[in-house]
Amino acid sequence: MHTLDLSMEHITKVEGAATLDVRVRDGKVEHVHYMVTEFKRFFTRALEGKPVAAVPQLLSRICGTCSNAHIMCALEACEHALGLVPSAQTMMMRHLTMYGLNIRDHALHLYLFAMPDIFGKDAFLEFDENDPQQHQMLHDGFEIKAAGNFLAELIAGRSVHASYPTIGGFYHFPDKAGVAEAVKKLEAARPAVLRLIKVFEDAPFHFDRHTNYMALVQDGAFGFLEGQILSSKGDKLPEDKFAEHLEHVVKPYSEASAYTYQGEPYMVGALARVNLAKDKLHAKTRESIASTLDRFPSTDIFHNNLAQAVEILHCLDHAVELLTTNEIVKEPLVKVLMKAGEGIGVIEAPRGTLYHKVVIDDKGIVTRCEVIVPTGQNQVNIEKDLHAIIDGLLPDTDKEKIAFESEKLVRAYDPCMSCSVHFLKLHWNEPKA
């Protein structure tokens, strides 16, 4: 293994298409290229000339998996551009929309993508119904996903590409029967979430490498929509200054933009959020899994899976509290007064910090749009982790082992390649006169 060339044309059990190219010479890793190979789809350029009211739904089409996160972020950006302040009930319903998204999305990743590695299976549907634990995991996975889907559909209209949220409020409001049914499904799924946390707490995979963690953190609460950007270095950045502190890194072999912070790689996502704000999790969550939370802050990338399971429990517990202590009533949309402006939205999508910037003219037509997604931000850190884990496996591990361990590590980040390739930059070479 002093010399190795490894090219993986497909990284499996991730959202979208990515490949990996590794070169080892004289027993040392010369390069690791993690390549996002989805085709660019030019979303930000395509939004130019569109009315501001269309921005949230159009941006949600970047990806079905993350669509409701893009809607929430775009709504914040558009409302900031218009100088519009949503009502308290609207914000509560947006939090519930994010909770439905995270319950469903984290469960999708943990059960269908990450858990097969723990049980030595190639796919979730290969689990053995005759094995009591595997049988339980099969049914738990579908129960948790169904609870998250129901919550998202009740509050936002659909679990993907939600149709009820709009600039200034919601088009539709749930009735009491629907709220009661959501609470019932969420409470029924709680034991399954606790079993899920236990599975990933006992997972045999570990890989530690020190890096910087960044996340949007709210004072006094664990959430996904409000706060300041915190880093594990102790830095605090306001939402509207976030992009100014990132350095854009060109990876010529990848279709996605990459980023560093203060010249160094960093990680966003569930592990970053729990590392930086575990003390802000819902009180019931903290009480139920106190010993689990002792593992954080953690530098083990595989604890990103555990952190996602922890977040499912928080989302479930806080959603039940919001639904049982608040009455959702019909209310009109906040009136929009069209004007020129620039707005920035920053939220925590399931995979990490998501940034939208929208510039509109006095008729409400988009003149510029910018999006920075979590997977792009994690790209440099993924390569650093892959370099380190492959270097640690040499010189005695065979290609198949290196390939498997590399895939497993990439899966731990839960990357979303579809979101990361929306950008378009053009450089015109004007003919000389």
Protein backbone atom coordinates (compact mmCIF):
# COMPACT_ATOMS: atom_id res chain seq x y z
CA MET A 1 0.00 0.00 0.00
CA HIS A 2 2.94 2.38 -0.46
CA THR A 3 1.34 3.31 -3.77
CA LEU A 4 -2.39 3.63 -4.18
CA ASP A 5 -4.78 5.18 -6.67
CA LEU A 6 -8.39 5.02 -5.60
CA SER A 7 -11.22 6.47 -7.66
CA MET A 8 -14.75 6.05 -6.41
CA GLU A 9 -17.26 6.99 -9.09
CA HIS A 10 -20.20 6.86 -6.68
CA ILE A 11 -20.42 7.57 -2.96
CA THR A 12 -23.50 5.68 -1.84
CA LYS A 13 -26.28 6.47 0.63
CA VAL A 14 -25.91 10.26 0.36
CA GLU A 15 -28.18 12.86 -1.23
CA GLY A 16 -26.98 13.63 -4.75
CA ALA A 17 -23.85 12.67 -6.66
CA ALA A 18 -20.29 12.84 -5.39
CA THR A 19 -17.04 11.03 -6.21
CA LEU A 20 -13.70 10.60 -4.50
CA ASP A 21 -10.16 10.47 -5.90
CA VAL A 22 -7.23 9.47 -3.68
CA ARG A 23 -3.53 9.24 -4.54
CA VAL A 24 -0.90 7.70 -2.24
CA ARG A 25 2.82 7.71 -3.03
CA ASP A 26 5.65 6.33 -0.86
CA GLY A 27 3.15 5.56 1.89
CA LYS A 28 1.91 9.16 2.12
CA VAL A 29 -1.40 10.61 1.01
CA GLU A 30 -0.61 13.12 -1.74
CA HIS A 31 -4.14 14.27 -2.38
CA VAL A 32 -7.77 13.59 -1.55
CA HIS A 33 -10.31 15.15 -3.89
CA TYR A 34 -13.90 15.07 -2.71
CA MET A 35 -15.83 16.02 -5.82
CA VAL A 36 -19.44 17.18 -5.98
CA THR A 37 -20.48 16.10 -9.48
CA GLU A 38 -24.08 17.29 -9.72
CA PHE A 39 -24.73 19.58 -12.67
CA LYS A 40 -25.06 23.27 -11.89
CA ARG A 41 -28.66 24.43 -12.15
CA PHE A 42 -28.15 28.20 -12.01
CA PHE A 43 -30.85 28.97 -9.42
CA THR A 44 -29.46 32.27 -8.18
CA ARG A 45 -29.04 33.67 -11.69
CA ALA A 46 -32.46 32.38 -12.74
CA LEU A 47 -34.13 34.35 -9.93
CA GLU A 48 -33.00 37.68 -11.38
CA GLY A 49 -36.03 39.44 -12.84
CA LYS A 50 -38.52 37.42 -10.79
CA PRO A 51 -40.97 39.04 -8.32
CA VAL A 52 -39.93 38.85 -4.67
CA ALA A 53 -43.12 36.94 -3.78
CA ALA A 54 -41.93 34.02 -5.92
CA VAL A 55 -38.47 33.74 -4.35
CA PRO A 56 -39.24 31.30 -1.47
CA GLN A 57 -41.00 28.75 -3.64
CA LEU A 58 -38.47 29.02 -6.47
CA LEU A 59 -35.50 28.63 -4.13
CA SER A 60 -37.12 25.64 -2.47
CA ARG A 61 -36.72 23.78 -5.77
CA ILE A 62 -32.97 23.67 -5.24
CA CYS A 63 -33.60 20.40 -3.39
CA GLY A 64 -36.57 18.36 -2.26
CA THR A 65 -34.80 17.10 0.85
CA CYS A 66 -33.97 20.59 2.15
CA SER A 67 -36.81 22.50 0.46
CA ASN A 68 -38.62 23.73 3.57
CA ALA A 69 -35.36 25.05 5.03
CA HIS A 70 -34.79 27.08 1.87
CA ILE A 71 -38.34 28.45 2.13
CA MET A 72 -37.79 29.56 5.74
CA CYS A 73 -34.44 31.18 4.90
CA ALA A 74 -35.78 32.90 1.79
CA LEU A 75 -38.79 34.25 3.71
CA GLU A 76 -36.46 35.82 6.25
CA ALA A 77 -34.31 37.38 3.53
CA CYS A 78 -37.31 38.74 1.60
CA GLU A 79 -38.95 40.14 4.72
CA HIS A 80 -35.72 41.86 5.74
CA ALA A 81 -35.49 43.40 2.26
CA LEU A 82 -39.07 44.70 2.60
CA GLY A 83 -38.70 45.83 6.21
CA LEU A 84 -41.51 43.48 7.24
CA VAL A 85 -41.80 41.98 10.74
CA PRO A 86 -43.79 38.70 11.01
CA SER A 87 -46.16 38.09 13.91
CA ALA A 88 -45.30 35.99 16.96
CA GLN A 89 -47.69 33.27 15.78
CA THR A 90 -46.06 33.23 12.34
CA MET A 91 -42.66 32.71 13.95
CA MET A 92 -44.03 29.92 16.12
CA MET A 93 -45.47 28.18 13.07
CA ARG A 94 -42.17 28.57 11.25
CA HIS A 95 -40.40 26.94 14.19
CA LEU A 96 -42.90 24.08 13.98
CA THR A 97 -42.24 23.81 10.24
CA MET A 98 -38.52 23.45 10.96
CA TYR A 99 -39.23 20.86 13.65
CA GLY A 100 -41.25 18.78 11.21
CA LEU A 101 -38.45 19.08 8.66
CA ASN A 102 -35.71 18.05 11.09
CA ILE A 103 -37.64 15.09 12.52
CA ARG A 104 -38.29 13.75 9.03
CA ASP A 105 -34.94 14.66 7.48
CA HIS A 106 -32.70 13.48 10.31
CA ALA A 107 -34.65 10.22 10.50
CA LEU A 108 -34.20 9.73 6.76
CA HIS A 109 -30.44 10.08 7.07
CA LEU A 110 -30.01 8.10 10.28
CA TYR A 111 -32.16 5.10 9.41
CA LEU A 112 -31.73 4.82 5.65
CA PHE A 113 -28.17 6.07 5.15
CA ALA A 114 -26.15 5.71 8.39
CA MET A 115 -27.73 2.84 10.33
CA PRO A 116 -27.06 0.07 7.75
CA ASP A 117 -23.32 0.50 8.46
CA ILE A 118 -23.89 -0.26 12.15
CA PHE A 119 -25.81 -3.47 11.40
CA GLY A 120 -23.52 -4.59 8.59
CA LYS A 121 -26.20 -4.14 5.94
CA ASP A 122 -26.02 -2.57 2.52
CA ALA A 123 -29.49 -1.01 2.82
CA PHE A 124 -32.13 -0.33 5.47
CA LEU A 125 -34.67 -2.57 3.76
CA GLU A 126 -32.28 -5.51 4.17
CA PHE A 127 -32.91 -5.47 7.93
CA ASP A 128 -34.13 -8.84 9.22
CA GLU A 129 -37.76 -8.78 10.41
CA ASN A 130 -36.99 -11.93 12.42
CA ASP A 131 -34.29 -10.19 14.43
CA PRO A 132 -36.03 -8.33 17.31
CA GLN A 133 -33.76 -5.27 17.25
CA GLN A 134 -33.70 -4.93 13.47
CA HIS A 135 -37.47 -5.45 13.38
CA GLN A 136 -37.85 -2.65 15.93
CA MET A 137 -35.57 -0.31 13.96
CA LEU A 138 -37.57 -0.84 10.78
CA HIS A 139 -40.81 0.14 12.43
CA ASP A 140 -39.24 2.94 14.48
CA GLY A 141 -37.80 4.57 11.38
CA PHE A 142 -41.11 4.75 9.60
CA GLU A 143 -42.95 5.91 12.74
CA ILE A 144 -40.58 8.83 13.38
CA LYS A 145 -40.58 9.89 9.73
CA ALA A 146 -44.38 9.73 9.64
CA ALA A 147 -44.64 11.93 12.74
CA GLY A 148 -42.34 14.55 11.21
CA ASN A 149 -44.18 14.44 7.89
CA PHE A 150 -47.54 14.86 9.61
CA LEU A 151 -46.34 17.88 11.58
CA ALA A 152 -44.94 19.54 8.46
CA GLU A 153 -48.09 18.83 6.45
CA LEU A 154 -50.35 20.12 9.23
CA ILE A 155 -48.47 23.40 9.71
CA ALA A 156 -46.89 24.06 6.32
CA GLY A 157 -49.09 22.14 3.86
CA ARG A 158 -46.48 19.64 2.66
CA SER A 159 -43.40 17.96 4.07
CA VAL A 160 -41.43 19.14 1.00
CA HIS A 161 -41.98 22.35 -0.98
CA ALA A 162 -44.39 23.61 1.69
CA SER A 163 -47.33 25.55 0.25
CA TYR A 164 -48.72 27.46 3.29
CA PRO A 165 -45.81 29.70 4.39
CA THR A 166 -45.48 33.01 2.54
CA ILE A 167 -44.07 36.48 3.01
CA GLY A 168 -45.83 37.98 6.02
CA GLY A 169 -47.47 34.85 7.39
CA PHE A 170 -49.30 31.66 6.42
CA TYR A 171 -52.11 30.97 3.95
CA HIS A 172 -53.71 28.25 6.07
CA PHE A 173 -54.02 27.35 9.75
CA PRO A 174 -54.47 23.94 11.41
CA ASP A 175 -57.67 23.00 13.22
CA LYS A 176 -57.81 21.63 16.76
CA ALA A 177 -58.34 18.06 15.61
CA GLY A 178 -55.20 18.20 13.46
CA VAL A 179 -53.17 19.67 16.30
CA ALA A 180 -54.36 16.93 18.67
CA GLU A 181 -53.45 14.26 16.12
CA ALA A 182 -49.97 15.75 15.67
CA VAL A 183 -49.37 15.74 19.42
CA LYS A 184 -50.52 12.11 19.60
CA LYS A 185 -48.15 11.02 16.82
CA LEU A 186 -45.20 12.94 18.23
CA GLU A 187 -45.67 11.58 21.74
CA ALA A 188 -46.08 8.05 20.40
CA ALA A 189 -42.78 8.33 18.51
CA ARG A 190 -40.76 9.50 21.53
CA PRO A 191 -39.76 5.99 22.74
CA ALA A 192 -38.52 5.24 19.22
CA VAL A 193 -36.36 8.38 19.29
CA LEU A 194 -34.83 7.32 22.60
CA ARG A 195 -33.98 3.92 21.08
CA LEU A 196 -32.46 5.71 18.08
CA ILE A 197 -30.24 7.79 20.36
CA LYS A 198 -29.08 4.63 22.11
CA VAL A 199 -28.15 2.96 18.80
CA PHE A 200 -25.91 5.86 17.76
CA GLU A 201 -24.55 6.33 21.26
CA ASP A 202 -23.31 2.73 21.09
CA ALA A 203 -22.13 2.94 17.47
CA PRO A 204 -18.66 1.36 17.06
CA PHE A 205 -17.32 4.01 14.67
CA HIS A 206 -15.13 6.87 15.89
CA PHE A 207 -12.84 9.40 14.25
CA ASP A 208 -11.53 12.48 16.04
CA ARG A 209 -9.90 15.50 14.44
CA HIS A 210 -9.90 18.97 15.93
CA THR A 211 -11.66 21.58 13.81
CA ASN A 212 -13.71 24.74 14.27
CA TYR A 213 -17.48 24.52 14.66
CA MET A 214 -19.94 27.24 13.66
CA ALA A 215 -23.70 27.55 14.10
CA LEU A 216 -26.55 30.02 14.53
CA VAL A 217 -27.26 30.10 18.26
CA GLN A 218 -30.15 31.89 19.98
CA ASP A 219 -29.93 33.30 23.49
CA GLY A 220 -31.86 31.12 25.92
CA ALA A 221 -33.21 28.61 23.40
CA PHE A 222 -32.13 25.86 21.03
CA GLY A 223 -33.61 26.67 17.64
CA PHE A 224 -33.02 26.89 13.92
CA LEU A 225 -34.29 30.35 12.89
CA GLU A 226 -32.81 33.06 15.10
CA GLY A 227 -29.63 34.14 16.84
CA GLN A 228 -26.00 35.00 16.11
CA ILE A 229 -23.31 32.93 14.44
CA LEU A 230 -21.07 31.46 17.12
CA SER A 231 -17.82 29.59 16.61
CA SER A 232 -15.99 27.22 18.89
CA LYS A 233 -13.19 29.81 18.92
CA GLY A 234 -15.52 32.15 20.81
CA ASP A 235 -16.33 34.43 17.87
CA LYS A 236 -19.77 36.03 17.49
CA LEU A 237 -21.02 37.24 14.13
CA PRO A 238 -24.34 38.93 13.36
CA GLU A 239 -26.41 37.18 10.69
CA ASP A 240 -26.01 39.93 8.11
CA LYS A 241 -22.19 39.84 8.40
CA PHE A 242 -21.77 36.07 8.17
CA ALA A 243 -20.83 35.84 4.49
CA GLU A 244 -18.35 38.72 4.83
CA HIS A 245 -16.22 36.58 7.16
CA LEU A 246 -16.05 33.54 4.89
CA GLU A 247 -13.33 33.00 2.32
CA HIS A 248 -14.47 31.46 -0.95
CA VAL A 249 -12.25 28.55 -1.98
CA VAL A 250 -12.23 27.26 -5.56
CA LYS A 251 -12.02 23.50 -5.93
CA PRO A 252 -11.47 23.11 -9.70
CA TYR A 253 -12.48 19.45 -9.61
CA SER A 254 -15.78 20.09 -7.78
CA GLU A 255 -18.99 21.73 -8.96
CA ALA A 256 -19.67 23.27 -5.55
CA SER A 257 -18.26 26.39 -3.91
CA ALA A 258 -16.11 25.72 -0.84
CA TYR A 259 -15.42 28.02 2.11
CA THR A 260 -13.00 28.60 4.98
CA TYR A 261 -13.21 30.85 8.05
CA GLN A 262 -10.10 32.82 9.04
CA GLY A 263 -8.19 30.67 6.58
CA GLU A 264 -9.18 27.41 8.27
CA PRO A 265 -11.79 24.71 7.56
CA TYR A 266 -14.83 24.54 9.79
CA MET A 267 -17.87 22.33 10.26
CA VAL A 268 -21.55 23.21 10.34
CA GLY A 269 -24.48 20.92 11.15
CA ALA A 270 -25.98 19.05 14.08
CA LEU A 271 -22.63 18.33 15.75
CA ALA A 272 -21.74 22.03 15.65
CA ARG A 273 -25.14 23.03 17.04
CA VAL A 274 -25.07 20.55 19.92
CA ASN A 275 -21.42 21.34 20.67
CA LEU A 276 -22.18 25.05 20.94
CA ALA A 277 -25.66 25.01 22.47
CA LYS A 278 -26.42 21.72 24.22
CA ASP A 279 -27.37 23.65 27.36
CA LYS A 280 -30.20 25.30 25.42
CA LEU A 281 -31.95 22.06 24.41
CA HIS A 282 -35.49 21.55 25.66
CA ALA A 283 -35.59 20.79 29.41
CA LYS A 284 -37.37 17.47 28.87
CA THR A 285 -34.76 16.45 26.32
CA ARG A 286 -31.90 17.33 28.65
CA GLU A 287 -33.50 15.39 31.48
CA SER A 288 -34.08 12.25 29.40
CA ILE A 289 -30.60 11.99 27.88
CA ALA A 290 -28.34 13.72 30.41
CA SER A 291 -25.62 11.05 30.17
CA THR A 292 -25.67 11.21 26.35
CA LEU A 293 -25.14 14.97 26.42
CA ASP A 294 -22.02 14.48 28.54
CA ARG A 295 -20.33 13.35 25.30
CA PHE A 296 -20.57 16.90 23.93
CA PRO A 297 -18.74 19.00 22.93
CA SER A 298 -17.18 16.31 20.78
CA THR A 299 -14.58 16.21 18.02
CA ASP A 300 -15.77 12.80 16.77
CA ILE A 301 -17.30 13.31 13.32
CA PHE A 302 -19.49 10.23 13.82
CA HIS A 303 -21.13 12.03 16.72
CA ASN A 304 -22.82 14.16 14.05
CA ASN A 305 -25.17 11.19 13.70
CA LEU A 306 -25.73 11.12 17.45
CA ALA A 307 -26.30 14.88 17.48
CA GLN A 308 -28.96 14.52 14.80
CA ALA A 309 -30.75 11.93 16.94
CA VAL A 310 -30.55 14.33 19.91
CA GLU A 311 -32.05 17.09 17.75
CA ILE A 312 -34.97 14.87 16.77
CA LEU A 313 -35.83 14.49 20.45
CA HIS A 314 -35.54 18.24 21.05
CA CYS A 315 -37.73 19.02 18.01
CA LEU A 316 -40.33 16.53 19.17
CA ASP A 317 -40.38 17.78 22.77
CA HIS A 318 -40.55 21.47 21.89
CA ALA A 319 -43.15 20.89 19.15
CA VAL A 320 -45.43 19.12 21.65
CA GLU A 321 -44.98 22.00 24.10
CA LEU A 322 -45.80 24.63 21.46
CA LEU A 323 -48.84 22.75 20.20
CA THR A 324 -50.27 22.10 23.67
CA THR A 325 -49.66 25.55 25.19
CA ASN A 326 -50.66 27.78 22.27
CA GLU A 327 -53.88 28.15 20.32
CA ILE A 328 -53.27 28.74 16.61
CA VAL A 329 -55.83 31.17 15.21
CA LYS A 330 -56.44 32.58 11.76
CA GLU A 331 -54.71 35.88 11.17
CA PRO A 332 -54.18 38.06 8.09
CA LEU A 333 -50.87 38.36 6.31
CA VAL A 334 -48.74 41.33 7.27
CA LYS A 335 -49.29 43.95 4.60
CA VAL A 336 -46.40 44.29 2.16
CA LEU A 337 -45.37 47.78 1.07
CA MET A 338 -43.12 47.30 -1.94
CA LYS A 339 -39.78 49.11 -1.87
CA ALA A 340 -36.20 48.64 -2.94
CA GLY A 341 -34.06 46.83 -0.42
CA GLU A 342 -31.51 44.19 0.47
CA GLY A 343 -32.30 41.35 2.81
CA ILE A 344 -30.29 38.56 4.37
CA GLY A 345 -31.68 35.39 5.90
CA VAL A 346 -29.65 32.96 7.99
CA ILE A 347 -31.11 29.78 9.48
CA GLU A 348 -29.93 26.36 10.56
CA ALA A 349 -30.96 23.83 7.91
CA PRO A 350 -30.71 20.16 8.93
CA ARG A 351 -27.16 20.02 7.55
CA GLY A 352 -25.99 23.35 8.94
CA THR A 353 -25.98 27.10 8.48
CA LEU A 354 -27.84 28.30 5.39
CA TYR A 355 -27.44 31.84 4.02
CA HIS A 356 -29.69 33.66 1.53
CA LYS A 357 -29.25 37.21 0.24
CA VAL A 358 -31.90 38.93 -1.89
CA VAL A 359 -31.70 42.40 -3.49
CA ILE A 360 -34.90 43.88 -4.97
CA ASP A 361 -35.80 47.10 -6.77
CA ASP A 362 -38.67 49.46 -5.92
CA LYS A 363 -41.11 47.27 -7.86
CA GLY A 364 -40.15 44.17 -5.88
CA ILE A 365 -38.18 42.58 -8.72
CA VAL A 366 -35.08 40.59 -7.81
CA THR A 367 -31.86 42.13 -9.11
CA ARG A 368 -29.47 39.84 -7.25
CA CYS A 369 -29.60 36.61 -5.24
CA GLU A 370 -26.90 34.76 -3.33
CA VAL A 371 -27.02 31.41 -1.53
CA ILE A 372 -24.40 29.71 0.67
CA VAL A 373 -25.30 26.17 1.69
CA PRO A 374 -24.01 23.85 4.46
CA THR A 375 -22.46 21.19 2.23
CA GLY A 376 -20.32 23.80 0.45
CA GLN A 377 -19.12 25.07 3.81
CA ASN A 378 -18.24 21.54 4.96
CA GLN A 379 -16.41 20.63 1.76
CA VAL A 380 -12.88 21.61 2.89
CA ASN A 381 -13.40 19.98 6.28
CA ILE A 382 -14.59 16.75 4.64
CA GLU A 383 -11.39 16.58 2.60
CA LYS A 384 -9.24 17.22 5.69
CA ASP A 385 -11.02 14.41 7.55
CA LEU A 386 -10.68 12.03 4.61
CA HIS A 387 -6.97 12.79 4.30
CA ALA A 388 -6.46 12.09 8.00
CA ILE A 389 -8.53 8.89 8.16
CA ILE A 390 -6.90 7.43 5.02
CA ASP A 391 -3.44 8.33 6.32
CA GLY A 392 -4.29 6.51 9.55
CA LEU A 393 -5.38 3.39 7.68
CA LEU A 394 -2.12 3.07 5.74
CA PRO A 395 -0.01 1.11 5.05
CA ASP A 396 -1.74 -2.21 5.73
CA THR A 397 -5.38 -1.64 4.77
CA ASP A 398 -6.68 -2.80 1.41
CA LYS A 399 -8.52 -0.64 -1.11
CA GLU A 400 -11.94 -2.00 -0.19
CA LYS A 401 -11.44 -1.07 3.47
CA ILE A 402 -10.23 2.42 2.60
CA ALA A 403 -13.17 2.93 0.26
CA PHE A 404 -15.68 1.75 2.87
CA GLU A 405 -14.22 3.88 5.67
CA SER A 406 -14.13 6.92 3.38
CA GLU A 407 -17.77 6.49 2.36
CA LYS A 408 -18.80 6.01 5.96
CA LEU A 409 -17.09 9.23 7.00
CA VAL A 410 -18.67 11.25 4.18
CA ARG A 411 -22.07 9.85 5.14
CA ALA A 412 -21.56 11.09 8.72
CA TYR A 413 -21.67 14.66 7.40
CA ASP A 414 -25.05 13.94 5.76
CA PRO A 415 -24.05 16.04 2.73
CA CYS A 416 -26.61 17.36 0.25
CA MET A 417 -24.94 17.73 -3.12
CA SER A 418 -28.07 19.00 -4.90
CA CYS A 419 -28.09 22.15 -2.74
CA SER A 420 -24.42 22.87 -3.28
CA VAL A 421 -24.33 23.30 -7.08
CA HIS A 422 -26.89 26.04 -7.70
CA PHE A 423 -24.43 28.87 -8.30
CA LEU A 424 -23.36 30.45 -11.58
CA LYS A 425 -20.44 32.82 -12.16
CA LEU A 426 -19.70 34.20 -15.61
CA HIS A 427 -16.47 35.84 -16.73
CA TRP A 428 -16.79 37.50 -20.11
CA ASN A 429 -13.74 38.02 -22.32
CA GLU A 430 -14.66 41.15 -24.24
CA PRO A 431 -13.07 41.36 -27.72
CA LYS A 432 -10.52 44.14 -28.02
CA ALA A 433 -11.49 47.03 -30.27
